[in-house]
Each structure stands twice: as structure tokens, then as C-alpha cells.
Amino acid sequence: MQTLEDGQLGPDPGALSPEQLEKLRDYKIQTRIANEKYLRSHKEVELLLSGFFREMFLKRPENIREFAADYFTDPRLPNKIHTQLIKEKKGA
């Protein structure tokens, strides 16, 4: 097992059997598919994240954690997302 630059242990290629590796691979694929389906059925998640990234790149805050906390706890955020969802439905 190798040690990474930050001191953490890296992957141990012999730790899992071929059958376990195949099960893990299948699990990862199924999880990714489930996540994609969820995100596609919840447009508000895309609006939340794209809005956050847009504001972050425009304002380029020094303290990203504080900025994120302020952004996601803004009491006006639910109304903003709701308004955007309505606009997108009308445009579709």
C-alpha cells in the first residue's frame, strides 16, 4: 500500500477480490445512474448550484465557506428558485 503526499494511505490493489471489484464497479454505476435520475427530476438542484457558482465567480469571495453559508441560508433563496422554476416552465 502506498502513502500519498498528504500522508493518507492510497488504494491497495490486492485488498478486494475480482468478484468484490466487480460488485463495487456495478454499485458505482448504479449509484451514478440513480443520482442522474434524481438530478434530472429535480430542476431546483441545478438552479441552486448554478446560481451559487454564478455568484461565486462574479464576486470571487476570499472566504468561500462563509460565502456559501450566506448564500444557502439567504431567506430569499427559496423564492428566487421558485420564480426561476416558473419562468422556465413558461418558456418550455
N, C-alpha and C. Protein backbone atom coordinates (compact mmCIF):
# COMPACT_ATOMS: atom_id res chain seq x y z
N MET A 1 0.85 -1.17 0.00
CA MET A 1 0.00 0.00 0.00
C MET A 1 0.89 1.23 0.00
N GLN A 2 0.58 2.19 -0.84
CA GLN A 2 1.41 3.39 -0.94
C GLN A 2 0.85 4.51 -0.07
N THR A 3 1.73 5.41 0.34
CA THR A 3 1.33 6.58 1.10
C THR A 3 1.30 7.77 0.15
N LEU A 4 0.18 8.49 0.16
CA LEU A 4 0.03 9.65 -0.70
C LEU A 4 0.76 10.84 -0.11
N GLU A 5 0.85 11.93 -0.89
CA GLU A 5 1.59 13.12 -0.46
C GLU A 5 1.07 13.70 0.85
N ASP A 6 -0.26 13.62 1.05
CA ASP A 6 -0.84 14.22 2.25
C ASP A 6 -0.79 13.28 3.46
N GLY A 7 -0.12 12.13 3.31
CA GLY A 7 0.03 11.20 4.42
C GLY A 7 -1.04 10.12 4.48
N GLN A 8 -2.08 10.24 3.67
CA GLN A 8 -3.12 9.22 3.66
C GLN A 8 -2.64 7.99 2.91
N LEU A 9 -3.23 6.87 3.24
CA LEU A 9 -2.89 5.64 2.54
C LEU A 9 -3.64 5.58 1.22
N GLY A 10 -2.95 5.17 0.18
CA GLY A 10 -3.57 5.05 -1.13
C GLY A 10 -4.27 3.71 -1.28
N PRO A 11 -4.84 3.45 -2.45
CA PRO A 11 -5.55 2.20 -2.66
C PRO A 11 -4.62 1.01 -2.61
N ASP A 12 -5.15 -0.08 -2.10
CA ASP A 12 -4.41 -1.33 -2.05
C ASP A 12 -5.01 -2.26 -3.10
N PRO A 13 -4.32 -2.43 -4.24
CA PRO A 13 -4.89 -3.19 -5.34
C PRO A 13 -5.27 -4.62 -4.98
N GLY A 14 -4.65 -5.20 -3.97
CA GLY A 14 -4.95 -6.57 -3.61
C GLY A 14 -6.00 -6.69 -2.51
N ALA A 15 -6.57 -5.59 -2.05
CA ALA A 15 -7.49 -5.62 -0.92
C ALA A 15 -8.83 -6.25 -1.29
N LEU A 16 -9.26 -6.13 -2.53
CA LEU A 16 -10.55 -6.68 -2.96
C LEU A 16 -10.33 -7.80 -3.96
N SER A 17 -11.18 -8.79 -3.85
CA SER A 17 -11.13 -9.89 -4.82
C SER A 17 -11.71 -9.40 -6.14
N PRO A 18 -11.48 -10.12 -7.23
CA PRO A 18 -12.08 -9.73 -8.51
C PRO A 18 -13.60 -9.64 -8.43
N GLU A 19 -14.22 -10.55 -7.68
CA GLU A 19 -15.69 -10.51 -7.52
C GLU A 19 -16.12 -9.25 -6.78
N GLN A 20 -15.39 -8.90 -5.73
CA GLN A 20 -15.70 -7.68 -4.98
C GLN A 20 -15.50 -6.44 -5.83
N LEU A 21 -14.44 -6.43 -6.63
CA LEU A 21 -14.19 -5.29 -7.52
C LEU A 21 -15.34 -5.13 -8.51
N GLU A 22 -15.84 -6.24 -9.05
CA GLU A 22 -16.95 -6.20 -9.99
C GLU A 22 -18.22 -5.68 -9.32
N LYS A 23 -18.48 -6.14 -8.09
CA LYS A 23 -19.64 -5.66 -7.34
C LYS A 23 -19.51 -4.16 -7.04
N LEU A 24 -18.33 -3.74 -6.68
CA LEU A 24 -18.09 -2.33 -6.40
C LEU A 24 -18.30 -1.49 -7.65
N ARG A 25 -17.79 -1.97 -8.77
CA ARG A 25 -17.96 -1.27 -10.05
C ARG A 25 -19.44 -1.14 -10.39
N ASP A 26 -20.19 -2.24 -10.25
CA ASP A 26 -21.63 -2.21 -10.52
C ASP A 26 -22.36 -1.24 -9.59
N TYR A 27 -21.97 -1.27 -8.30
CA TYR A 27 -22.58 -0.36 -7.33
C TYR A 27 -22.34 1.09 -7.71
N LYS A 28 -21.12 1.42 -8.11
CA LYS A 28 -20.79 2.79 -8.51
C LYS A 28 -21.61 3.21 -9.72
N ILE A 29 -21.77 2.31 -10.69
CA ILE A 29 -22.54 2.63 -11.89
C ILE A 29 -24.00 2.87 -11.52
N GLN A 30 -24.57 1.98 -10.71
CA GLN A 30 -25.98 2.12 -10.31
C GLN A 30 -26.20 3.39 -9.49
N THR A 31 -25.26 3.71 -8.64
CA THR A 31 -25.37 4.94 -7.85
C THR A 31 -25.33 6.17 -8.75
N ARG A 32 -24.45 6.14 -9.72
CA ARG A 32 -24.36 7.28 -10.64
C ARG A 32 -25.65 7.44 -11.46
N ILE A 33 -26.21 6.33 -11.91
CA ILE A 33 -27.47 6.37 -12.66
C ILE A 33 -28.59 6.93 -11.78
N ALA A 34 -28.67 6.45 -10.54
CA ALA A 34 -29.70 6.93 -9.61
C ALA A 34 -29.53 8.42 -9.34
N ASN A 35 -28.30 8.86 -9.17
CA ASN A 35 -28.04 10.29 -8.94
C ASN A 35 -28.46 11.13 -10.14
N GLU A 36 -28.15 10.66 -11.34
CA GLU A 36 -28.53 11.37 -12.56
C GLU A 36 -30.05 11.49 -12.66
N LYS A 37 -30.76 10.39 -12.40
CA LYS A 37 -32.22 10.42 -12.46
C LYS A 37 -32.78 11.42 -11.45
N TYR A 38 -32.21 11.42 -10.25
CA TYR A 38 -32.67 12.36 -9.22
C TYR A 38 -32.46 13.80 -9.66
N LEU A 39 -31.26 14.10 -10.15
CA LEU A 39 -30.96 15.47 -10.57
C LEU A 39 -31.83 15.90 -11.74
N ARG A 40 -32.09 15.01 -12.66
CA ARG A 40 -32.94 15.36 -13.81
C ARG A 40 -34.39 15.61 -13.40
N SER A 41 -34.84 14.97 -12.34
CA SER A 41 -36.22 15.15 -11.90
C SER A 41 -36.36 16.29 -10.89
N HIS A 42 -35.25 16.86 -10.47
CA HIS A 42 -35.29 17.98 -9.51
C HIS A 42 -34.50 19.16 -10.07
N LYS A 43 -35.16 19.91 -10.93
CA LYS A 43 -34.54 21.06 -11.59
C LYS A 43 -34.04 22.09 -10.57
N GLU A 44 -34.69 22.14 -9.42
CA GLU A 44 -34.30 23.13 -8.41
C GLU A 44 -32.87 22.94 -7.94
N VAL A 45 -32.38 21.71 -7.96
CA VAL A 45 -30.99 21.45 -7.55
C VAL A 45 -30.04 22.12 -8.54
N GLU A 46 -30.32 21.96 -9.82
CA GLU A 46 -29.49 22.62 -10.84
C GLU A 46 -29.52 24.13 -10.68
N LEU A 47 -30.70 24.67 -10.41
CA LEU A 47 -30.82 26.12 -10.24
C LEU A 47 -30.06 26.60 -9.01
N LEU A 48 -30.12 25.83 -7.92
CA LEU A 48 -29.38 26.19 -6.71
C LEU A 48 -27.88 26.23 -6.97
N LEU A 49 -27.40 25.18 -7.59
CA LEU A 49 -25.95 25.08 -7.80
C LEU A 49 -25.45 26.06 -8.85
N SER A 50 -26.18 26.20 -9.95
CA SER A 50 -25.73 27.13 -10.98
C SER A 50 -25.78 28.57 -10.47
N GLY A 51 -26.80 28.88 -9.68
CA GLY A 51 -26.88 30.22 -9.09
C GLY A 51 -25.73 30.49 -8.14
N PHE A 52 -25.41 29.49 -7.33
CA PHE A 52 -24.29 29.63 -6.40
C PHE A 52 -22.99 29.84 -7.14
N PHE A 53 -22.72 29.00 -8.14
CA PHE A 53 -21.47 29.14 -8.89
C PHE A 53 -21.40 30.47 -9.64
N ARG A 54 -22.52 30.90 -10.20
CA ARG A 54 -22.54 32.18 -10.90
C ARG A 54 -22.15 33.31 -9.95
N GLU A 55 -22.79 33.36 -8.78
CA GLU A 55 -22.49 34.41 -7.81
C GLU A 55 -21.05 34.31 -7.29
N MET A 56 -20.60 33.10 -7.07
CA MET A 56 -19.24 32.91 -6.58
C MET A 56 -18.21 33.43 -7.59
N PHE A 57 -18.41 33.09 -8.87
CA PHE A 57 -17.45 33.54 -9.88
C PHE A 57 -17.54 35.04 -10.13
N LEU A 58 -18.72 35.61 -9.97
CA LEU A 58 -18.85 37.06 -10.14
C LEU A 58 -18.20 37.81 -8.97
N LYS A 59 -18.43 37.34 -7.75
CA LYS A 59 -17.96 38.06 -6.56
C LYS A 59 -16.59 37.61 -6.09
N ARG A 60 -16.17 36.42 -6.44
CA ARG A 60 -14.87 35.86 -6.07
C ARG A 60 -14.51 36.15 -4.60
N PRO A 61 -15.31 35.60 -3.68
CA PRO A 61 -15.08 35.90 -2.25
C PRO A 61 -13.78 35.28 -1.74
N GLU A 62 -13.19 35.95 -0.77
CA GLU A 62 -11.97 35.44 -0.13
C GLU A 62 -12.30 34.20 0.70
N ASN A 63 -13.39 34.25 1.45
CA ASN A 63 -13.78 33.15 2.32
C ASN A 63 -14.96 32.42 1.68
N ILE A 64 -14.67 31.37 0.95
CA ILE A 64 -15.70 30.65 0.20
C ILE A 64 -16.70 29.96 1.12
N ARG A 65 -16.25 29.46 2.26
CA ARG A 65 -17.17 28.80 3.20
C ARG A 65 -18.20 29.78 3.75
N GLU A 66 -17.73 30.94 4.13
CA GLU A 66 -18.64 31.95 4.65
C GLU A 66 -19.61 32.40 3.55
N PHE A 67 -19.10 32.58 2.35
CA PHE A 67 -19.94 32.97 1.23
C PHE A 67 -21.02 31.91 0.97
N ALA A 68 -20.61 30.64 0.96
CA ALA A 68 -21.57 29.56 0.73
C ALA A 68 -22.62 29.52 1.83
N ALA A 69 -22.19 29.67 3.06
CA ALA A 69 -23.15 29.67 4.18
C ALA A 69 -24.15 30.80 4.02
N ASP A 70 -23.67 31.98 3.67
CA ASP A 70 -24.57 33.13 3.47
C ASP A 70 -25.51 32.90 2.29
N TYR A 71 -24.97 32.35 1.21
CA TYR A 71 -25.77 32.14 0.01
C TYR A 71 -26.91 31.16 0.28
N PHE A 72 -26.58 30.01 0.87
CA PHE A 72 -27.58 28.96 1.04
C PHE A 72 -28.51 29.19 2.23
N THR A 73 -28.20 30.16 3.09
CA THR A 73 -29.12 30.48 4.19
C THR A 73 -29.88 31.77 3.95
N ASP A 74 -29.72 32.35 2.79
CA ASP A 74 -30.45 33.57 2.44
C ASP A 74 -31.95 33.25 2.44
N PRO A 75 -32.73 33.94 3.26
CA PRO A 75 -34.16 33.63 3.33
C PRO A 75 -34.91 33.89 2.01
N ARG A 76 -34.31 34.66 1.12
CA ARG A 76 -34.95 34.93 -0.18
C ARG A 76 -34.69 33.84 -1.21
N LEU A 77 -33.76 32.93 -0.92
CA LEU A 77 -33.37 31.91 -1.88
C LEU A 77 -34.52 31.02 -2.35
N PRO A 78 -35.37 30.51 -1.45
CA PRO A 78 -36.49 29.67 -1.94
C PRO A 78 -37.39 30.40 -2.93
N ASN A 79 -37.65 31.68 -2.69
CA ASN A 79 -38.49 32.44 -3.62
C ASN A 79 -37.79 32.65 -4.96
N LYS A 80 -36.48 32.88 -4.92
CA LYS A 80 -35.72 33.04 -6.16
C LYS A 80 -35.80 31.76 -7.00
N ILE A 81 -35.61 30.62 -6.36
CA ILE A 81 -35.64 29.34 -7.07
C ILE A 81 -37.04 29.09 -7.62
N HIS A 82 -38.05 29.35 -6.81
CA HIS A 82 -39.43 29.15 -7.23
C HIS A 82 -39.75 30.01 -8.46
N THR A 83 -39.31 31.26 -8.43
CA THR A 83 -39.54 32.17 -9.56
C THR A 83 -38.84 31.66 -10.81
N GLN A 84 -37.62 31.19 -10.66
CA GLN A 84 -36.88 30.66 -11.81
C GLN A 84 -37.57 29.41 -12.39
N LEU A 85 -38.09 28.55 -11.51
CA LEU A 85 -38.79 27.35 -11.98
C LEU A 85 -40.03 27.73 -12.78
N ILE A 86 -40.76 28.74 -12.31
CA ILE A 86 -41.95 29.19 -13.01
C ILE A 86 -41.59 29.78 -14.36
N LYS A 87 -40.52 30.59 -14.41
CA LYS A 87 -40.08 31.17 -15.68
C LYS A 87 -39.68 30.10 -16.68
N GLU A 88 -38.99 29.07 -16.19
CA GLU A 88 -38.56 28.00 -17.09
C GLU A 88 -39.74 27.18 -17.61
N LYS A 89 -40.75 26.99 -16.79
CA LYS A 89 -41.93 26.23 -17.22
C LYS A 89 -42.70 27.02 -18.27
N LYS A 90 -42.77 28.34 -18.10
CA LYS A 90 -43.47 29.17 -19.08
C LYS A 90 -42.71 29.21 -20.41
N GLY A 91 -41.38 29.18 -20.32
CA GLY A 91 -40.55 29.22 -21.52
C GLY A 91 -40.51 27.90 -22.27
N ALA A 92 -40.87 26.82 -21.60
CA ALA A 92 -40.81 25.49 -22.23
C ALA A 92 -41.98 25.18 -23.11
